[in-house]
All heavy atoms as atom14 arrays in JSON, in Angstrom:
{
  "sequence": "SLQPWVRNRDDSDLRFVLERNPFYHRVDSTGQQLPYADEVVMTVADS",
  "atom14_mask": [
    [1, 1, 1, 1, 1, 1, 0, 0, 0, 0, 0, 0, 0, 0],
    [1, 1, 1, 1, 1, 1, 1, 1, 0, 0, 0, 0, 0, 0],
    [1, 1, 1, 1, 1, 1, 1, 1, 1, 0, 0, 0, 0, 0],
    [1, 1, 1, 1, 1, 1, 1, 0, 0, 0, 0, 0, 0, 0],
    [1, 1, 1, 1, 1, 1, 1, 1, 1, 1, 1, 1, 1, 1],
    [1, 1, 1, 1, 1, 1, 1, 0, 0, 0, 0, 0, 0, 0],
    [1, 1, 1, 1, 1, 1, 1, 1, 1, 1, 1, 0, 0, 0],
    [1, 1, 1, 1, 1, 1, 1, 1, 0, 0, 0, 0, 0, 0],
    [1, 1, 1, 1, 1, 1, 1, 1, 1, 1, 1, 0, 0, 0],
    [1, 1, 1, 1, 1, 1, 1, 1, 0, 0, 0, 0, 0, 0],
    [1, 1, 1, 1, 1, 1, 1, 1, 0, 0, 0, 0, 0, 0],
    [1, 1, 1, 1, 1, 1, 0, 0, 0, 0, 0, 0, 0, 0],
    [1, 1, 1, 1, 1, 1, 1, 1, 0, 0, 0, 0, 0, 0],
    [1, 1, 1, 1, 1, 1, 1, 1, 0, 0, 0, 0, 0, 0],
    [1, 1, 1, 1, 1, 1, 1, 1, 1, 1, 1, 0, 0, 0],
    [1, 1, 1, 1, 1, 1, 1, 1, 1, 1, 1, 0, 0, 0],
    [1, 1, 1, 1, 1, 1, 1, 0, 0, 0, 0, 0, 0, 0],
    [1, 1, 1, 1, 1, 1, 1, 1, 0, 0, 0, 0, 0, 0],
    [1, 1, 1, 1, 1, 1, 1, 1, 1, 0, 0, 0, 0, 0],
    [1, 1, 1, 1, 1, 1, 1, 1, 1, 1, 1, 0, 0, 0],
    [1, 1, 1, 1, 1, 1, 1, 1, 0, 0, 0, 0, 0, 0],
    [1, 1, 1, 1, 1, 1, 1, 0, 0, 0, 0, 0, 0, 0],
    [1, 1, 1, 1, 1, 1, 1, 1, 1, 1, 1, 0, 0, 0],
    [1, 1, 1, 1, 1, 1, 1, 1, 1, 1, 1, 1, 0, 0],
    [1, 1, 1, 1, 1, 1, 1, 1, 1, 1, 0, 0, 0, 0],
    [1, 1, 1, 1, 1, 1, 1, 1, 1, 1, 1, 0, 0, 0],
    [1, 1, 1, 1, 1, 1, 1, 0, 0, 0, 0, 0, 0, 0],
    [1, 1, 1, 1, 1, 1, 1, 1, 0, 0, 0, 0, 0, 0],
    [1, 1, 1, 1, 1, 1, 0, 0, 0, 0, 0, 0, 0, 0],
    [1, 1, 1, 1, 1, 1, 1, 0, 0, 0, 0, 0, 0, 0],
    [1, 1, 1, 1, 0, 0, 0, 0, 0, 0, 0, 0, 0, 0],
    [1, 1, 1, 1, 1, 1, 1, 1, 1, 0, 0, 0, 0, 0],
    [1, 1, 1, 1, 1, 1, 1, 1, 1, 0, 0, 0, 0, 0],
    [1, 1, 1, 1, 1, 1, 1, 1, 0, 0, 0, 0, 0, 0],
    [1, 1, 1, 1, 1, 1, 1, 0, 0, 0, 0, 0, 0, 0],
    [1, 1, 1, 1, 1, 1, 1, 1, 1, 1, 1, 1, 0, 0],
    [1, 1, 1, 1, 1, 0, 0, 0, 0, 0, 0, 0, 0, 0],
    [1, 1, 1, 1, 1, 1, 1, 1, 0, 0, 0, 0, 0, 0],
    [1, 1, 1, 1, 1, 1, 1, 1, 1, 0, 0, 0, 0, 0],
    [1, 1, 1, 1, 1, 1, 1, 0, 0, 0, 0, 0, 0, 0],
    [1, 1, 1, 1, 1, 1, 1, 0, 0, 0, 0, 0, 0, 0],
    [1, 1, 1, 1, 1, 1, 1, 1, 0, 0, 0, 0, 0, 0],
    [1, 1, 1, 1, 1, 1, 1, 0, 0, 0, 0, 0, 0, 0],
    [1, 1, 1, 1, 1, 1, 1, 0, 0, 0, 0, 0, 0, 0],
    [1, 1, 1, 1, 1, 0, 0, 0, 0, 0, 0, 0, 0, 0],
    [1, 1, 1, 1, 1, 1, 1, 1, 0, 0, 0, 0, 0, 0],
    [1, 1, 1, 1, 1, 1, 0, 0, 0, 0, 0, 0, 0, 0]
  ],
  "atom14_positions": [
    [[104.85, 75.85, 97.74], [103.93, 77.02, 97.79], [104.8, 78.15, 97.47], [106.12, 78.19, 97.45], [103.5, 77.27, 99.19], [102.75, 78.36, 99.41], [0.0, 0.0, 0.0], [0.0, 0.0, 0.0], [0.0, 0.0, 0.0], [0.0, 0.0, 0.0], [0.0, 0.0, 0.0], [0.0, 0.0, 0.0], [0.0, 0.0, 0.0], [0.0, 0.0, 0.0]],
    [[104.16, 79.21, 97.06], [104.77, 80.6, 96.81], [104.34, 81.64, 97.87], [104.79, 82.77, 97.75], [104.33, 81.1, 95.4], [104.76, 80.19, 94.14], [104.32, 80.93, 92.99], [106.19, 80.05, 94.12], [0.0, 0.0, 0.0], [0.0, 0.0, 0.0], [0.0, 0.0, 0.0], [0.0, 0.0, 0.0], [0.0, 0.0, 0.0], [0.0, 0.0, 0.0]],
    [[103.63, 81.1, 98.8], [103.17, 82.12, 99.92], [104.23, 82.46, 100.93], [105.24, 81.67, 101.08], [102.01, 81.4, 100.62], [100.72, 81.2, 99.7], [100.29, 82.41, 98.99], [100.02, 83.53, 99.6], [100.06, 82.27, 97.74], [0.0, 0.0, 0.0], [0.0, 0.0, 0.0], [0.0, 0.0, 0.0], [0.0, 0.0, 0.0], [0.0, 0.0, 0.0]],
    [[104.08, 83.48, 101.67], [105.16, 83.87, 102.53], [105.45, 82.81, 103.78], [106.63, 82.67, 104.26], [104.81, 85.13, 103.17], [103.3, 85.38, 102.85], [103.01, 84.47, 101.57], [0.0, 0.0, 0.0], [0.0, 0.0, 0.0], [0.0, 0.0, 0.0], [0.0, 0.0, 0.0], [0.0, 0.0, 0.0], [0.0, 0.0, 0.0], [0.0, 0.0, 0.0]],
    [[104.3, 82.12, 104.17], [104.55, 81.1, 105.15], [103.91, 79.79, 104.73], [102.93, 79.85, 103.92], [103.8, 81.52, 106.44], [104.4, 82.7, 107.17], [105.43, 82.74, 107.99], [103.92, 84.06, 107.04], [105.7, 83.95, 108.45], [104.75, 84.84, 107.9], [102.74, 84.66, 106.53], [104.54, 86.23, 108.12], [102.78, 86.11, 106.53], [103.46, 86.74, 107.33]],
    [[104.53, 78.7, 105.04], [104.11, 77.42, 104.52], [103.89, 76.41, 105.6], [104.71, 76.38, 106.61], [105.29, 76.93, 103.59], [104.99, 75.56, 102.96], [105.65, 77.9, 102.46], [0.0, 0.0, 0.0], [0.0, 0.0, 0.0], [0.0, 0.0, 0.0], [0.0, 0.0, 0.0], [0.0, 0.0, 0.0], [0.0, 0.0, 0.0], [0.0, 0.0, 0.0]],
    [[102.9, 75.56, 105.41], [102.78, 74.49, 106.42], [103.73, 73.3, 106.02], [103.47, 72.64, 105.0], [101.27, 74.06, 106.4], [100.93, 72.98, 107.55], [99.51, 72.5, 107.47], [99.31, 71.53, 108.45], [98.11, 70.72, 108.48], [97.36, 70.86, 107.48], [98.09, 69.79, 109.39], [0.0, 0.0, 0.0], [0.0, 0.0, 0.0], [0.0, 0.0, 0.0]],
    [[104.48, 72.99, 106.9], [105.54, 71.91, 106.64], [105.37, 70.71, 107.67], [106.05, 69.64, 107.45], [106.99, 72.44, 106.8], [107.36, 73.39, 105.68], [107.13, 73.17, 104.55], [108.24, 74.38, 106.12], [0.0, 0.0, 0.0], [0.0, 0.0, 0.0], [0.0, 0.0, 0.0], [0.0, 0.0, 0.0], [0.0, 0.0, 0.0], [0.0, 0.0, 0.0]],
    [[104.43, 70.9, 108.64], [104.27, 69.81, 109.57], [102.85, 69.29, 109.54], [101.97, 70.24, 109.33], [104.61, 70.36, 111.0], [105.98, 70.97, 111.05], [106.2, 71.47, 112.43], [107.17, 72.56, 112.72], [107.31, 73.25, 113.8], [106.73, 72.87, 114.82], [108.13, 74.28, 113.88], [0.0, 0.0, 0.0], [0.0, 0.0, 0.0], [0.0, 0.0, 0.0]],
    [[102.63, 68.11, 109.9], [101.36, 67.63, 110.07], [101.14, 66.76, 111.3], [100.76, 65.62, 111.3], [101.0, 66.63, 108.75], [99.58, 66.15, 108.81], [98.82, 66.83, 109.42], [99.26, 65.23, 108.0], [0.0, 0.0, 0.0], [0.0, 0.0, 0.0], [0.0, 0.0, 0.0], [0.0, 0.0, 0.0], [0.0, 0.0, 0.0], [0.0, 0.0, 0.0]],
    [[101.56, 67.5, 112.34], [101.72, 66.72, 113.62], [100.6, 67.17, 114.67], [100.59, 66.73, 115.79], [103.01, 67.02, 114.29], [103.41, 68.53, 114.37], [102.47, 69.39, 114.0], [104.49, 68.98, 114.84], [0.0, 0.0, 0.0], [0.0, 0.0, 0.0], [0.0, 0.0, 0.0], [0.0, 0.0, 0.0], [0.0, 0.0, 0.0], [0.0, 0.0, 0.0]],
    [[99.65, 68.07, 114.25], [98.61, 68.47, 115.19], [97.4, 69.05, 114.39], [97.57, 69.62, 113.3], [99.18, 69.44, 116.17], [98.01, 69.91, 116.89], [0.0, 0.0, 0.0], [0.0, 0.0, 0.0], [0.0, 0.0, 0.0], [0.0, 0.0, 0.0], [0.0, 0.0, 0.0], [0.0, 0.0, 0.0], [0.0, 0.0, 0.0], [0.0, 0.0, 0.0]],
    [[96.21, 68.77, 114.88], [94.99, 69.4, 114.44], [94.6, 70.5, 115.34], [93.42, 71.09, 115.11], [93.93, 68.43, 114.24], [94.07, 67.43, 113.05], [94.77, 67.9, 112.28], [93.6, 66.32, 113.19], [0.0, 0.0, 0.0], [0.0, 0.0, 0.0], [0.0, 0.0, 0.0], [0.0, 0.0, 0.0], [0.0, 0.0, 0.0], [0.0, 0.0, 0.0]],
    [[95.36, 70.82, 116.31], [94.91, 71.91, 117.22], [95.83, 73.11, 117.18], [95.47, 74.21, 117.61], [94.83, 71.28, 118.66], [93.76, 70.38, 118.93], [93.84, 69.75, 120.41], [92.34, 70.88, 118.74], [0.0, 0.0, 0.0], [0.0, 0.0, 0.0], [0.0, 0.0, 0.0], [0.0, 0.0, 0.0], [0.0, 0.0, 0.0], [0.0, 0.0, 0.0]],
    [[97.11, 72.81, 116.75], [98.15, 73.97, 116.78], [98.87, 73.8, 115.45], [99.67, 72.8, 115.33], [99.04, 73.84, 117.95], [99.91, 75.0, 117.91], [100.81, 75.02, 119.37], [101.66, 76.04, 119.58], [102.94, 76.16, 119.26], [103.45, 75.11, 118.54], [103.61, 77.24, 119.43], [0.0, 0.0, 0.0], [0.0, 0.0, 0.0], [0.0, 0.0, 0.0]],
    [[98.7, 74.77, 114.61], [99.39, 74.77, 113.24], [100.49, 75.75, 113.17], [100.3, 76.93, 113.46], [98.36, 75.04, 112.23], [97.33, 74.06, 112.08], [96.08, 74.37, 112.68], [97.31, 72.92, 111.48], [94.99, 73.46, 112.79], [96.25, 72.01, 111.4], [95.11, 72.38, 111.94], [0.0, 0.0, 0.0], [0.0, 0.0, 0.0], [0.0, 0.0, 0.0]],
    [[101.67, 75.26, 112.88], [102.93, 76.13, 112.76], [103.3, 76.21, 111.33], [103.55, 75.34, 110.7], [104.2, 75.55, 113.6], [105.24, 76.47, 113.35], [103.83, 75.45, 115.0], [0.0, 0.0, 0.0], [0.0, 0.0, 0.0], [0.0, 0.0, 0.0], [0.0, 0.0, 0.0], [0.0, 0.0, 0.0], [0.0, 0.0, 0.0], [0.0, 0.0, 0.0]],
    [[103.15, 77.6, 110.84], [103.42, 77.92, 109.59], [104.7, 78.55, 109.41], [104.97, 79.67, 110.18], [102.33, 78.85, 108.82], [100.88, 78.28, 108.78], [100.83, 76.86, 108.19], [100.12, 78.33, 110.15], [0.0, 0.0, 0.0], [0.0, 0.0, 0.0], [0.0, 0.0, 0.0], [0.0, 0.0, 0.0], [0.0, 0.0, 0.0], [0.0, 0.0, 0.0]],
    [[105.68, 78.02, 108.67], [107.02, 78.54, 108.78], [107.45, 79.36, 107.55], [106.77, 79.21, 106.42], [108.0, 77.31, 108.81], [107.82, 76.36, 109.99], [108.47, 75.04, 109.86], [109.42, 75.01, 108.99], [108.2, 74.14, 110.61], [0.0, 0.0, 0.0], [0.0, 0.0, 0.0], [0.0, 0.0, 0.0], [0.0, 0.0, 0.0], [0.0, 0.0, 0.0]],
    [[108.27, 80.35, 107.71], [108.6, 81.22, 106.52], [108.98, 80.45, 105.4], [109.8, 79.37, 105.4], [109.78, 82.19, 107.11], [111.15, 81.56, 107.03], [112.35, 82.64, 107.08], [112.17, 83.59, 108.21], [111.88, 84.86, 107.9], [111.71, 85.35, 106.78], [111.84, 85.61, 109.01], [0.0, 0.0, 0.0], [0.0, 0.0, 0.0], [0.0, 0.0, 0.0]],
    [[108.75, 80.95, 104.11], [109.17, 80.35, 102.89], [110.62, 80.93, 102.6], [110.71, 82.31, 102.33], [108.15, 80.82, 101.85], [108.56, 80.38, 100.45], [109.64, 79.81, 100.18], [107.8, 80.67, 99.46], [0.0, 0.0, 0.0], [0.0, 0.0, 0.0], [0.0, 0.0, 0.0], [0.0, 0.0, 0.0], [0.0, 0.0, 0.0], [0.0, 0.0, 0.0]],
    [[111.63, 80.26, 102.5], [112.93, 80.78, 102.38], [113.24, 81.31, 101.04], [114.27, 81.89, 100.79], [113.94, 79.77, 102.8], [113.14, 78.4, 102.6], [111.73, 78.76, 102.99], [0.0, 0.0, 0.0], [0.0, 0.0, 0.0], [0.0, 0.0, 0.0], [0.0, 0.0, 0.0], [0.0, 0.0, 0.0], [0.0, 0.0, 0.0], [0.0, 0.0, 0.0]],
    [[112.24, 80.98, 100.07], [112.4, 81.34, 98.6], [111.46, 82.45, 98.26], [111.13, 82.7, 97.09], [112.36, 80.13, 97.74], [113.41, 79.15, 98.11], [113.23, 78.05, 98.96], [114.53, 79.26, 97.32], [114.15, 77.16, 99.21], [115.73, 78.24, 97.7], [115.4, 77.24, 98.58], [0.0, 0.0, 0.0], [0.0, 0.0, 0.0], [0.0, 0.0, 0.0]],
    [[110.86, 83.21, 99.24], [109.82, 84.19, 98.99], [110.36, 85.25, 98.07], [111.63, 85.61, 98.24], [109.26, 84.71, 100.31], [108.06, 85.54, 100.17], [106.98, 84.92, 99.58], [108.02, 86.79, 100.81], [105.73, 85.83, 99.51], [106.83, 87.51, 100.73], [105.75, 86.96, 100.07], [104.58, 87.87, 100.05], [0.0, 0.0, 0.0], [0.0, 0.0, 0.0]],
    [[109.47, 85.88, 97.21], [110.08, 86.74, 96.19], [110.03, 88.27, 96.61], [110.45, 89.02, 95.79], [109.06, 86.67, 95.05], [107.69, 87.22, 95.26], [106.8, 86.52, 96.07], [107.08, 88.26, 94.85], [105.62, 87.15, 96.04], [105.76, 88.21, 95.29], [0.0, 0.0, 0.0], [0.0, 0.0, 0.0], [0.0, 0.0, 0.0], [0.0, 0.0, 0.0]],
    [[109.69, 88.69, 97.82], [109.7, 90.07, 98.25], [110.85, 90.33, 99.12], [111.1, 89.52, 100.07], [108.4, 90.43, 98.91], [107.2, 90.43, 97.94], [105.88, 90.36, 98.58], [105.7, 91.51, 99.38], [105.08, 92.66, 99.2], [104.42, 92.84, 98.0], [104.94, 93.52, 100.1], [0.0, 0.0, 0.0], [0.0, 0.0, 0.0], [0.0, 0.0, 0.0]],
    [[111.6, 91.46, 99.02], [112.53, 91.94, 99.93], [112.22, 93.5, 100.29], [111.56, 94.05, 99.46], [113.91, 91.85, 99.36], [114.24, 90.39, 98.99], [114.1, 92.72, 98.1], [0.0, 0.0, 0.0], [0.0, 0.0, 0.0], [0.0, 0.0, 0.0], [0.0, 0.0, 0.0], [0.0, 0.0, 0.0], [0.0, 0.0, 0.0], [0.0, 0.0, 0.0]],
    [[112.76, 93.9, 101.4], [112.61, 95.22, 101.68], [113.69, 96.15, 101.17], [114.81, 95.56, 100.59], [112.43, 95.56, 103.12], [113.59, 95.17, 103.99], [114.83, 95.4, 103.43], [113.48, 95.25, 105.22], [0.0, 0.0, 0.0], [0.0, 0.0, 0.0], [0.0, 0.0, 0.0], [0.0, 0.0, 0.0], [0.0, 0.0, 0.0], [0.0, 0.0, 0.0]],
    [[113.67, 97.4, 101.14], [114.68, 98.32, 100.68], [116.04, 98.24, 101.27], [116.95, 98.92, 100.78], [114.15, 99.76, 100.46], [113.78, 100.19, 101.87], [0.0, 0.0, 0.0], [0.0, 0.0, 0.0], [0.0, 0.0, 0.0], [0.0, 0.0, 0.0], [0.0, 0.0, 0.0], [0.0, 0.0, 0.0], [0.0, 0.0, 0.0], [0.0, 0.0, 0.0]],
    [[116.05, 97.56, 102.44], [117.49, 97.44, 103.08], [118.09, 96.09, 102.68], [119.04, 95.73, 103.25], [117.27, 97.48, 104.54], [116.67, 96.43, 105.09], [116.59, 98.86, 104.92], [0.0, 0.0, 0.0], [0.0, 0.0, 0.0], [0.0, 0.0, 0.0], [0.0, 0.0, 0.0], [0.0, 0.0, 0.0], [0.0, 0.0, 0.0], [0.0, 0.0, 0.0]],
    [[117.28, 95.21, 101.95], [117.96, 94.0, 101.51], [117.49, 92.78, 102.39], [117.95, 91.69, 102.23], [0.0, 0.0, 0.0], [0.0, 0.0, 0.0], [0.0, 0.0, 0.0], [0.0, 0.0, 0.0], [0.0, 0.0, 0.0], [0.0, 0.0, 0.0], [0.0, 0.0, 0.0], [0.0, 0.0, 0.0], [0.0, 0.0, 0.0], [0.0, 0.0, 0.0]],
    [[116.58, 92.94, 103.33], [116.06, 91.97, 103.94], [114.94, 91.17, 103.28], [113.98, 91.86, 102.77], [115.44, 92.41, 105.43], [116.51, 93.02, 106.31], [115.71, 93.37, 107.64], [116.03, 92.7, 108.66], [115.22, 94.44, 107.73], [0.0, 0.0, 0.0], [0.0, 0.0, 0.0], [0.0, 0.0, 0.0], [0.0, 0.0, 0.0], [0.0, 0.0, 0.0]],
    [[114.96, 89.85, 103.26], [113.95, 89.14, 102.71], [112.64, 88.98, 103.52], [112.78, 88.82, 104.65], [114.46, 87.63, 102.27], [113.46, 86.86, 101.51], [114.0, 85.37, 101.3], [114.85, 84.86, 102.01], [113.41, 84.61, 100.37], [0.0, 0.0, 0.0], [0.0, 0.0, 0.0], [0.0, 0.0, 0.0], [0.0, 0.0, 0.0], [0.0, 0.0, 0.0]],
    [[111.56, 89.26, 102.95], [110.29, 89.16, 103.64], [109.93, 87.57, 103.71], [110.48, 86.81, 102.77], [109.28, 89.87, 103.03], [109.56, 91.42, 103.01], [108.34, 92.13, 102.37], [109.62, 91.98, 104.59], [0.0, 0.0, 0.0], [0.0, 0.0, 0.0], [0.0, 0.0, 0.0], [0.0, 0.0, 0.0], [0.0, 0.0, 0.0], [0.0, 0.0, 0.0]],
    [[108.98, 87.2, 104.59], [108.4, 87.79, 105.57], [109.29, 88.12, 106.8], [110.38, 87.41, 106.92], [107.22, 87.01, 106.05], [107.79, 85.61, 105.73], [108.57, 85.7, 104.55], [0.0, 0.0, 0.0], [0.0, 0.0, 0.0], [0.0, 0.0, 0.0], [0.0, 0.0, 0.0], [0.0, 0.0, 0.0], [0.0, 0.0, 0.0], [0.0, 0.0, 0.0]],
    [[109.0, 89.06, 107.56], [109.78, 89.39, 108.78], [109.66, 88.28, 109.83], [110.52, 87.9, 110.44], [109.41, 90.65, 109.33], [109.9, 91.95, 108.52], [108.95, 92.89, 108.21], [111.16, 92.0, 108.19], [109.48, 94.1, 107.51], [111.64, 93.13, 107.51], [110.8, 94.11, 107.05], [111.12, 95.23, 106.38], [0.0, 0.0, 0.0], [0.0, 0.0, 0.0]],
    [[108.37, 87.97, 110.01], [108.11, 86.85, 111.16], [108.51, 85.5, 110.64], [108.31, 85.09, 109.6], [106.63, 86.83, 111.58], [0.0, 0.0, 0.0], [0.0, 0.0, 0.0], [0.0, 0.0, 0.0], [0.0, 0.0, 0.0], [0.0, 0.0, 0.0], [0.0, 0.0, 0.0], [0.0, 0.0, 0.0], [0.0, 0.0, 0.0], [0.0, 0.0, 0.0]],
    [[109.11, 84.77, 111.58], [109.68, 83.41, 111.25], [108.59, 82.41, 111.06], [108.5, 81.59, 110.21], [110.62, 82.89, 112.38], [111.85, 83.65, 112.44], [112.41, 84.05, 111.3], [112.56, 83.55, 113.59], [0.0, 0.0, 0.0], [0.0, 0.0, 0.0], [0.0, 0.0, 0.0], [0.0, 0.0, 0.0], [0.0, 0.0, 0.0], [0.0, 0.0, 0.0]],
    [[107.42, 82.65, 111.95], [106.36, 81.77, 112.1], [105.13, 82.41, 112.23], [105.03, 83.47, 112.79], [106.53, 80.63, 113.14], [107.66, 79.73, 112.96], [107.86, 78.75, 114.08], [107.2, 79.04, 115.2], [108.69, 77.86, 114.06], [0.0, 0.0, 0.0], [0.0, 0.0, 0.0], [0.0, 0.0, 0.0], [0.0, 0.0, 0.0], [0.0, 0.0, 0.0]],
    [[104.07, 81.89, 111.76], [102.7, 82.16, 112.15], [102.06, 81.01, 112.86], [102.02, 79.92, 112.22], [101.78, 82.66, 110.97], [100.4, 82.97, 111.49], [102.33, 83.86, 110.32], [0.0, 0.0, 0.0], [0.0, 0.0, 0.0], [0.0, 0.0, 0.0], [0.0, 0.0, 0.0], [0.0, 0.0, 0.0], [0.0, 0.0, 0.0], [0.0, 0.0, 0.0]],
    [[101.66, 81.1, 114.15], [101.16, 79.87, 114.78], [99.63, 80.05, 115.0], [99.12, 81.06, 115.5], [101.75, 79.75, 116.15], [101.17, 78.55, 117.01], [103.36, 79.5, 116.01], [0.0, 0.0, 0.0], [0.0, 0.0, 0.0], [0.0, 0.0, 0.0], [0.0, 0.0, 0.0], [0.0, 0.0, 0.0], [0.0, 0.0, 0.0], [0.0, 0.0, 0.0]],
    [[98.82, 79.19, 114.4], [97.44, 79.21, 114.53], [96.81, 78.13, 115.47], [97.07, 76.96, 115.15], [96.79, 79.07, 113.07], [97.45, 80.01, 112.05], [96.88, 79.66, 110.37], [95.33, 80.55, 110.3], [0.0, 0.0, 0.0], [0.0, 0.0, 0.0], [0.0, 0.0, 0.0], [0.0, 0.0, 0.0], [0.0, 0.0, 0.0], [0.0, 0.0, 0.0]],
    [[96.3, 78.53, 116.52], [95.79, 77.65, 117.56], [94.31, 77.59, 117.49], [93.59, 78.6, 117.58], [96.27, 78.24, 118.97], [97.76, 78.17, 118.99], [95.82, 77.16, 120.03], [0.0, 0.0, 0.0], [0.0, 0.0, 0.0], [0.0, 0.0, 0.0], [0.0, 0.0, 0.0], [0.0, 0.0, 0.0], [0.0, 0.0, 0.0], [0.0, 0.0, 0.0]],
    [[93.84, 76.44, 117.54], [92.34, 76.2, 117.48], [91.71, 76.45, 118.89], [92.27, 75.88, 119.89], [91.91, 74.85, 116.93], [90.39, 74.56, 117.01], [92.52, 74.56, 115.45], [0.0, 0.0, 0.0], [0.0, 0.0, 0.0], [0.0, 0.0, 0.0], [0.0, 0.0, 0.0], [0.0, 0.0, 0.0], [0.0, 0.0, 0.0], [0.0, 0.0, 0.0]],
    [[90.57, 77.2, 118.99], [90.0, 77.43, 120.23], [88.4, 77.43, 119.99], [88.03, 77.74, 118.83], [90.46, 78.82, 120.81], [0.0, 0.0, 0.0], [0.0, 0.0, 0.0], [0.0, 0.0, 0.0], [0.0, 0.0, 0.0], [0.0, 0.0, 0.0], [0.0, 0.0, 0.0], [0.0, 0.0, 0.0], [0.0, 0.0, 0.0], [0.0, 0.0, 0.0]],
    [[87.67, 77.27, 120.92], [86.25, 77.42, 120.73], [85.87, 78.85, 120.32], [86.43, 79.9, 120.92], [85.57, 77.17, 122.23], [84.13, 77.25, 122.1], [83.52, 77.96, 121.34], [83.38, 76.5, 122.88], [0.0, 0.0, 0.0], [0.0, 0.0, 0.0], [0.0, 0.0, 0.0], [0.0, 0.0, 0.0], [0.0, 0.0, 0.0], [0.0, 0.0, 0.0]],
    [[85.2, 79.0, 119.14], [84.96, 80.37, 118.62], [84.35, 81.24, 119.55], [84.57, 82.43, 119.6], [84.21, 80.17, 117.26], [82.94, 79.65, 117.57], [0.0, 0.0, 0.0], [0.0, 0.0, 0.0], [0.0, 0.0, 0.0], [0.0, 0.0, 0.0], [0.0, 0.0, 0.0], [0.0, 0.0, 0.0], [0.0, 0.0, 0.0], [0.0, 0.0, 0.0]]
  ]
}
């Protein structure tokens, strides 16, 4: 993927852990590579 977070695991249909893309193309003006957050965790719940 080229997105900031990537799904690398297929171990659950209830909790999805999306991990940072270490080759992402954006950086901030202090030299830190984006994204800032290591993970986005998406948990399934009754809407």
